[in-house]
């Protein structure tokens, strides 16, 4: 197990080093930069979709799902007010009201 952790740490460091080191003759093209701009939304989606739709390990599609209601409230508040604190605390309140 320790070998796996060390190997993964080396792979992670190597990929970061290739992008951040200034003395390497390696540049990222504009197409690849555009492709990388989608990585954060993809990672965040991979985090929240299982939490919202599968909170107990099984798919829940009812409209009274507190996770779904909290996520819907977060989307609405974010688009309406564009305020991080209002979105966070408003969606938490909706979640706890229906939980």
C-alpha atoms as a PDB file:
ATOM      1  CA  UNK A   1       0.000   0.000   0.000  1.00  0.00           C
ATOM      2  CA  UNK A   2       2.815   2.410   0.778  1.00  0.00           C
ATOM      3  CA  UNK A   3       4.273   1.704  -2.656  1.00  0.00           C
ATOM      4  CA  UNK A   4       0.999   2.734  -4.291  1.00  0.00           C
ATOM      5  CA  UNK A   5       0.909   5.983  -2.326  1.00  0.00           C
ATOM      6  CA  UNK A   6       4.512   6.816  -3.228  1.00  0.00           C
ATOM      7  CA  UNK A   7       3.962   6.038  -6.921  1.00  0.00           C
ATOM      8  CA  UNK A   8       0.789   8.145  -7.049  1.00  0.00           C
ATOM      9  CA  UNK A   9       2.559  10.989  -5.266  1.00  0.00           C
ATOM     10  CA  UNK A  10       5.350  10.846  -7.862  1.00  0.00           C
ATOM     11  CA  UNK A  11       2.859  10.850 -10.729  1.00  0.00           C
ATOM     12  CA  UNK A  12       1.010  13.812  -9.219  1.00  0.00           C
ATOM     13  CA  UNK A  13       4.244  15.734  -8.673  1.00  0.00           C
ATOM     14  CA  UNK A  14       5.478  14.984 -12.198  1.00  0.00           C
ATOM     15  CA  UNK A  15       2.284  16.206 -13.842  1.00  0.00           C
ATOM     16  CA  UNK A  16       2.309  19.389 -11.769  1.00  0.00           C
ATOM     17  CA  UNK A  17       6.003  19.977 -12.400  1.00  0.00           C
ATOM     18  CA  UNK A  18       5.600  19.733 -16.175  1.00  0.00           C
ATOM     19  CA  UNK A  19       3.073  22.580 -16.143  1.00  0.00           C
ATOM     20  CA  UNK A  20       4.785  24.808 -13.575  1.00  0.00           C
ATOM     21  CA  UNK A  21       8.517  24.508 -14.310  1.00  0.00           C
ATOM     22  CA  UNK A  22       9.785  27.438 -16.352  1.00  0.00           C
ATOM     23  CA  UNK A  23      13.073  25.828 -17.434  1.00  0.00           C
ATOM     24  CA  UNK A  24      11.488  22.912 -19.312  1.00  0.00           C
ATOM     25  CA  UNK A  25      11.044  23.293 -23.068  1.00  0.00           C
ATOM     26  CA  UNK A  26       7.366  22.436 -22.759  1.00  0.00           C
ATOM     27  CA  UNK A  27       4.500  24.768 -23.568  1.00  0.00           C
ATOM     28  CA  UNK A  28       0.786  24.243 -23.569  1.00  0.00           C
ATOM     29  CA  UNK A  29      -0.993  25.051 -26.794  1.00  0.00           C
ATOM     30  CA  UNK A  30      -4.153  27.156 -26.920  1.00  0.00           C
ATOM     31  CA  UNK A  31      -6.376  24.146 -27.663  1.00  0.00           C
ATOM     32  CA  UNK A  32      -5.040  22.312 -24.616  1.00  0.00           C
ATOM     33  CA  UNK A  33      -5.475  25.423 -22.456  1.00  0.00           C
ATOM     34  CA  UNK A  34      -9.077  25.640 -23.586  1.00  0.00           C
ATOM     35  CA  UNK A  35      -9.522  21.955 -22.787  1.00  0.00           C
ATOM     36  CA  UNK A  36      -8.084  22.471 -19.293  1.00  0.00           C
ATOM     37  CA  UNK A  37     -10.631  25.209 -18.594  1.00  0.00           C
ATOM     38  CA  UNK A  38     -13.281  22.475 -18.382  1.00  0.00           C
ATOM     39  CA  UNK A  39     -11.466  20.451 -15.721  1.00  0.00           C
ATOM     40  CA  UNK A  40     -12.778  22.345 -12.670  1.00  0.00           C
ATOM     41  CA  UNK A  41     -16.472  22.079 -13.656  1.00  0.00           C
ATOM     42  CA  UNK A  42     -15.981  18.392 -14.445  1.00  0.00           C
ATOM     43  CA  UNK A  43     -14.388  17.673 -11.079  1.00  0.00           C
ATOM     44  CA  UNK A  44     -17.044  19.631  -9.192  1.00  0.00           C
ATOM     45  CA  UNK A  45     -19.811  17.834 -11.087  1.00  0.00           C
ATOM     46  CA  UNK A  46     -18.228  14.479 -10.258  1.00  0.00           C
ATOM     47  CA  UNK A  47     -18.348  15.497  -6.588  1.00  0.00           C
ATOM     48  CA  UNK A  48     -21.886  16.885  -6.283  1.00  0.00           C
ATOM     49  CA  UNK A  49     -23.896  14.569  -8.565  1.00  0.00           C
ATOM     50  CA  UNK A  50     -23.461  11.436  -6.398  1.00  0.00           C
ATOM     51  CA  UNK A  51     -24.148  13.477  -3.248  1.00  0.00           C
ATOM     52  CA  UNK A  52     -27.385  14.937  -4.613  1.00  0.00           C
ATOM     53  CA  UNK A  53     -28.795  11.941  -6.475  1.00  0.00           C
ATOM     54  CA  UNK A  54     -27.319   9.035  -4.501  1.00  0.00           C
ATOM     55  CA  UNK A  55     -27.004  10.168  -0.856  1.00  0.00           C
ATOM     56  CA  UNK A  56     -27.447   6.661   0.589  1.00  0.00           C
ATOM     57  CA  UNK A  57     -25.787   4.739  -2.201  1.00  0.00           C
ATOM     58  CA  UNK A  58     -28.932   4.263  -4.251  1.00  0.00           C
ATOM     59  CA  UNK A  59     -30.489   6.523  -6.873  1.00  0.00           C
ATOM     60  CA  UNK A  60     -33.197   8.807  -5.448  1.00  0.00           C
ATOM     61  CA  UNK A  61     -35.396  10.619  -7.941  1.00  0.00           C
ATOM     62  CA  UNK A  62     -38.225  11.864  -5.699  1.00  0.00           C
ATOM     63  CA  UNK A  63     -38.827  15.577  -5.613  1.00  0.00           C
ATOM     64  CA  UNK A  64     -38.854  15.585  -1.798  1.00  0.00           C
ATOM     65  CA  UNK A  65     -35.159  14.649  -1.702  1.00  0.00           C
ATOM     66  CA  UNK A  66     -33.588  17.263   0.635  1.00  0.00           C
ATOM     67  CA  UNK A  67     -30.287  17.056  -1.251  1.00  0.00           C
ATOM     68  CA  UNK A  68     -32.039  17.812  -4.532  1.00  0.00           C
ATOM     69  CA  UNK A  69     -34.057  20.651  -2.989  1.00  0.00           C
ATOM     70  CA  UNK A  70     -30.933  22.160  -1.439  1.00  0.00           C
ATOM     71  CA  UNK A  71     -29.060  21.924  -4.741  1.00  0.00           C
ATOM     72  CA  UNK A  72     -31.984  23.485  -6.625  1.00  0.00           C
ATOM     73  CA  UNK A  73     -32.109  26.302  -4.068  1.00  0.00           C
ATOM     74  CA  UNK A  74     -28.365  26.843  -4.474  1.00  0.00           C
ATOM     75  CA  UNK A  75     -28.673  27.098  -8.258  1.00  0.00           C
ATOM     76  CA  UNK A  76     -31.604  29.507  -7.995  1.00  0.00           C
ATOM     77  CA  UNK A  77     -29.938  31.706  -5.372  1.00  0.00           C
ATOM     78  CA  UNK A  78     -26.638  31.763  -7.256  1.00  0.00           C
ATOM     79  CA  UNK A  79     -28.251  32.906 -10.499  1.00  0.00           C
ATOM     80  CA  UNK A  80     -30.628  35.350  -8.833  1.00  0.00           C
ATOM     81  CA  UNK A  81     -28.345  37.099  -6.330  1.00  0.00           C
ATOM     82  CA  UNK A  82     -24.756  36.148  -7.332  1.00  0.00           C
ATOM     83  CA  UNK A  83     -23.740  36.221  -3.670  1.00  0.00           C
ATOM     84  CA  UNK A  84     -21.634  33.367  -2.285  1.00  0.00           C
ATOM     85  CA  UNK A  85     -22.747  33.701   1.339  1.00  0.00           C
ATOM     86  CA  UNK A  86     -26.441  34.035   0.522  1.00  0.00           C
ATOM     87  CA  UNK A  87     -26.241  31.035  -1.811  1.00  0.00           C
ATOM     88  CA  UNK A  88     -24.408  28.875   0.720  1.00  0.00           C
ATOM     89  CA  UNK A  89     -26.490  29.677   3.767  1.00  0.00           C
ATOM     90  CA  UNK A  90     -29.790  29.848   1.864  1.00  0.00           C
ATOM     91  CA  UNK A  91     -29.281  26.404   0.351  1.00  0.00           C
ATOM     92  CA  UNK A  92     -28.227  25.019   3.748  1.00  0.00           C
ATOM     93  CA  UNK A  93     -31.409  26.390   5.317  1.00  0.00           C
ATOM     94  CA  UNK A  94     -33.529  24.798   2.574  1.00  0.00           C
ATOM     95  CA  UNK A  95     -31.683  21.511   3.043  1.00  0.00           C
ATOM     96  CA  UNK A  96     -32.200  21.473   6.818  1.00  0.00           C
ATOM     97  CA  UNK A  97     -35.874  22.460   6.518  1.00  0.00           C
ATOM     98  CA  UNK A  98     -36.578  19.425   4.351  1.00  0.00           C
ATOM     99  CA  UNK A  99     -34.174  16.972   6.035  1.00  0.00           C
END
